[in-house]
Amino acid sequence: MTSQSKSLSQKLERVQNSIQKFPAAAVSLNTATDQLGKSVADLDGVLKKFSLGVPTWVSIVSSKHEEYYYREEIGYAKVGGKWGIAIRTVQGDDHAPEDQDENCWLFPDAPRLLRVRTIEGIPELLEALVESAAEMTKKITEKAEEVAALTAGIAAVITPPKGRMVNVGELMNMGEAMKDVVLSNPQTIRQAGKR
């Protein structure tokens, strides 16, 4: 047997040994992946009960070379019309933000390697979700107060004080919305010249 055929024979034996291990390796890998997926699905179910609806992302892997960047993130977001734990990759160039490339998946649909790498961010994601919900609550409360104040201001302008009469000439100069308010209270309308 020549050294070349001996080398080929050894390679073939190594390949055959490896191939024989594939079924067991695949079963183990798929079982572990299914277990991870079930655990995340259970957590996802718990989060959905709270109906947070606040997209939140936590960066797990981040790299930057000059103006180029790449991030792997785990988050809670709406992907394909469904809320859930999600994974995204973001890459781009600081000088061309309009060319940023983003890929986003719900957790079970993401590539396996990304699921494994980003899962360690779950505790940080949960903390970030609480913070995001608190920030959103504050913003909504402030906006609700602002709208209430605007509504009260508008109502004061378009609703005549009790007992004040609006003459037909004033009514003709009002916008449609104001006319509707005044006309809904006919006793405030008086004919021109009548007091």
Foldseek 3Di string as FASTA:
>chain_A
DDPVVVVVVVVVVVVVVVVVCVVVVVVVVVVVLVVLVVVQVVVFVVVVVVVLAFKDKDWQDWDDDPFKIKTKIWIFHQDPNDTGIKIKMWIDGNVCVVPIDMDMDHLVPDPPVSNVRHVVCVVVRVVRSVVRSVVVVVVVVVVVVVVVVVVVVVCPVLPDDPPAADEVVNLVPDDPVSVVNCVVPVVNYDYPPDD
